Protein backbone atom coordinates (compact mmCIF):
# COMPACT_ATOMS: atom_id res chain seq x y z
CA UNK A 1 -27.27 12.51 -6.96
CA UNK A 2 -23.64 11.62 -6.35
CA UNK A 3 -23.74 12.08 -2.56
CA UNK A 4 -26.54 9.50 -2.36
CA UNK A 5 -24.07 6.90 -3.59
CA UNK A 6 -22.05 5.20 -0.85
CA UNK A 7 -18.31 5.52 -0.63
CA UNK A 8 -16.55 2.37 -1.79
CA UNK A 9 -14.36 2.60 1.33
CA UNK A 10 -17.49 2.19 3.49
CA UNK A 11 -18.86 -0.72 1.46
CA UNK A 12 -15.55 -2.53 0.86
CA UNK A 13 -12.94 -1.24 3.34
CA UNK A 14 -10.63 -4.25 2.91
CA UNK A 15 -10.52 -3.75 -0.87
CA UNK A 16 -9.75 -0.05 -0.54
CA UNK A 17 -6.99 -0.71 2.02
CA UNK A 18 -5.42 -3.26 -0.34
CA UNK A 19 -5.71 -0.92 -3.33
CA UNK A 20 -4.06 1.92 -1.39
CA UNK A 21 -1.12 -0.31 -0.45
CA UNK A 22 -0.74 -1.63 -4.00
CA UNK A 23 -0.93 1.85 -5.53
CA UNK A 24 1.62 3.25 -3.11
CA UNK A 25 3.92 0.30 -3.89
CA UNK A 26 3.64 1.24 -7.59
CA UNK A 27 4.41 4.92 -6.92
CA UNK A 28 0.80 5.95 -7.62
CA UNK A 29 0.33 8.04 -4.47
CA UNK A 30 -2.13 10.50 -6.05
CA UNK A 31 -4.43 7.68 -7.11
CA UNK A 32 -4.11 6.11 -3.67
CA UNK A 33 -5.32 9.39 -2.15
CA UNK A 34 -8.25 9.53 -4.60
CA UNK A 35 -9.57 6.21 -3.29
CA UNK A 36 -10.91 7.90 -0.16
CA UNK A 37 -13.58 9.66 -2.21
CA UNK A 38 -14.63 7.14 -4.87
CA UNK A 39 -18.33 6.34 -4.88
CA UNK A 40 -20.06 3.06 -5.61
CA UNK A 41 -22.05 3.97 -8.71
CA UNK A 42 -22.84 0.35 -9.66
CA UNK A 43 -21.52 -3.17 -9.44
CA UNK A 44 -20.61 -4.78 -12.75
CA UNK A 45 -23.59 -6.54 -14.27
CA UNK A 46 -21.66 -8.71 -16.75
CA UNK A 47 -22.96 -11.87 -15.07
CA UNK A 48 -19.56 -13.57 -14.86
CA UNK A 49 -19.18 -15.34 -11.52
CA UNK A 50 -15.49 -14.40 -11.31
CA UNK A 51 -16.20 -10.64 -11.60
CA UNK A 52 -16.86 -8.28 -8.68
CA UNK A 53 -15.89 -5.09 -10.47
CA UNK A 54 -17.15 -1.68 -9.35
CA UNK A 55 -18.17 1.31 -11.44
CA UNK A 56 -17.06 4.42 -9.53
CA UNK A 57 -18.15 7.10 -12.03
CA UNK A 58 -20.84 7.46 -14.62
CA UNK A 59 -19.17 6.33 -17.81
CA UNK A 60 -18.95 8.64 -20.79
CA UNK A 61 -21.15 7.74 -23.73
CA UNK A 62 -19.45 5.38 -26.13
CA UNK A 63 -16.49 3.16 -25.38
CA UNK A 64 -13.54 3.18 -25.10
CA UNK A 65 -12.87 6.06 -22.74
CA UNK A 66 -10.75 7.90 -25.29
CA UNK A 67 -8.15 10.60 -24.71
CA UNK A 68 -6.87 10.80 -21.13
CA UNK A 69 -7.58 7.13 -20.28
CA UNK A 70 -5.08 4.75 -18.80
CA UNK A 71 -5.34 1.31 -17.27
CA UNK A 72 -3.43 0.79 -14.02
CA UNK A 73 -2.76 -2.94 -13.49
CA UNK A 74 -1.88 -3.88 -9.93
CA UNK A 75 -0.21 -6.98 -8.48
CA UNK A 76 -2.38 -8.42 -5.69
CA UNK A 77 -1.51 -11.73 -4.06
CA UNK A 78 -4.78 -13.21 -5.39
CA UNK A 79 -6.74 -12.57 -8.57
CA UNK A 80 -6.59 -9.41 -10.65
CA UNK A 81 -7.07 -5.76 -9.74
CA UNK A 82 -6.97 -3.04 -12.39
CA UNK A 83 -8.10 0.56 -12.35
CA UNK A 84 -9.49 2.47 -15.29
CA UNK A 85 -8.44 6.08 -14.83
CA UNK A 86 -9.68 8.97 -16.95
CA UNK A 87 -7.94 12.32 -16.56
CA UNK A 88 -6.84 11.42 -13.03
CA UNK A 89 -10.27 10.12 -11.90
CA UNK A 90 -10.80 6.47 -11.01
CA UNK A 91 -13.69 5.37 -13.22
CA UNK A 92 -13.76 1.63 -12.63
CA UNK A 93 -12.19 -0.89 -10.26
CA UNK A 94 -11.81 -4.23 -12.02
CA UNK A 95 -11.92 -7.07 -9.49
CA UNK A 96 -11.48 -10.53 -11.05
CA UNK A 97 -10.87 -14.07 -9.80
CA UNK A 98 -10.83 -13.13 -6.12
CA UNK A 99 -12.58 -14.43 -3.02
CA UNK A 100 -16.08 -12.99 -2.52
CA UNK A 101 -16.08 -9.46 -1.14
CA UNK A 102 -18.39 -8.64 1.74
CA UNK A 103 -20.42 -5.46 1.35
CA UNK A 104 -20.41 -3.78 4.76
CA UNK A 105 -23.41 -1.67 3.76
CA UNK A 106 -25.50 -4.65 2.70
CA UNK A 107 -26.46 -3.09 -0.64
CA UNK A 108 -25.02 -2.71 -4.08
CA UNK A 109 -23.57 -6.20 -4.18
CA UNK A 110 -24.10 -8.89 -6.76
């Protein structure tokens, strides 16, 4: 059930604050507002030590996302942050080559 999944803002408040600032700087105010409600569905399980990406929605069967998908690259001071957005919904927060994030909920981290 979706409500059983924690809000990313509760688990990683510093990340969400940074994403909001970066999105607003890029003129992506609607996406910045959406960040308040994104859920931590799963952490990336790719196994790469430089990846701390977060799945925020159940992904549609088959990749790529298809019609309505766009990648939103952001310009953080360290590492890489990109959002996969499908029809206005943030599906995935790509977090690469950044200092370790601290999960304030103590679960769902790699």
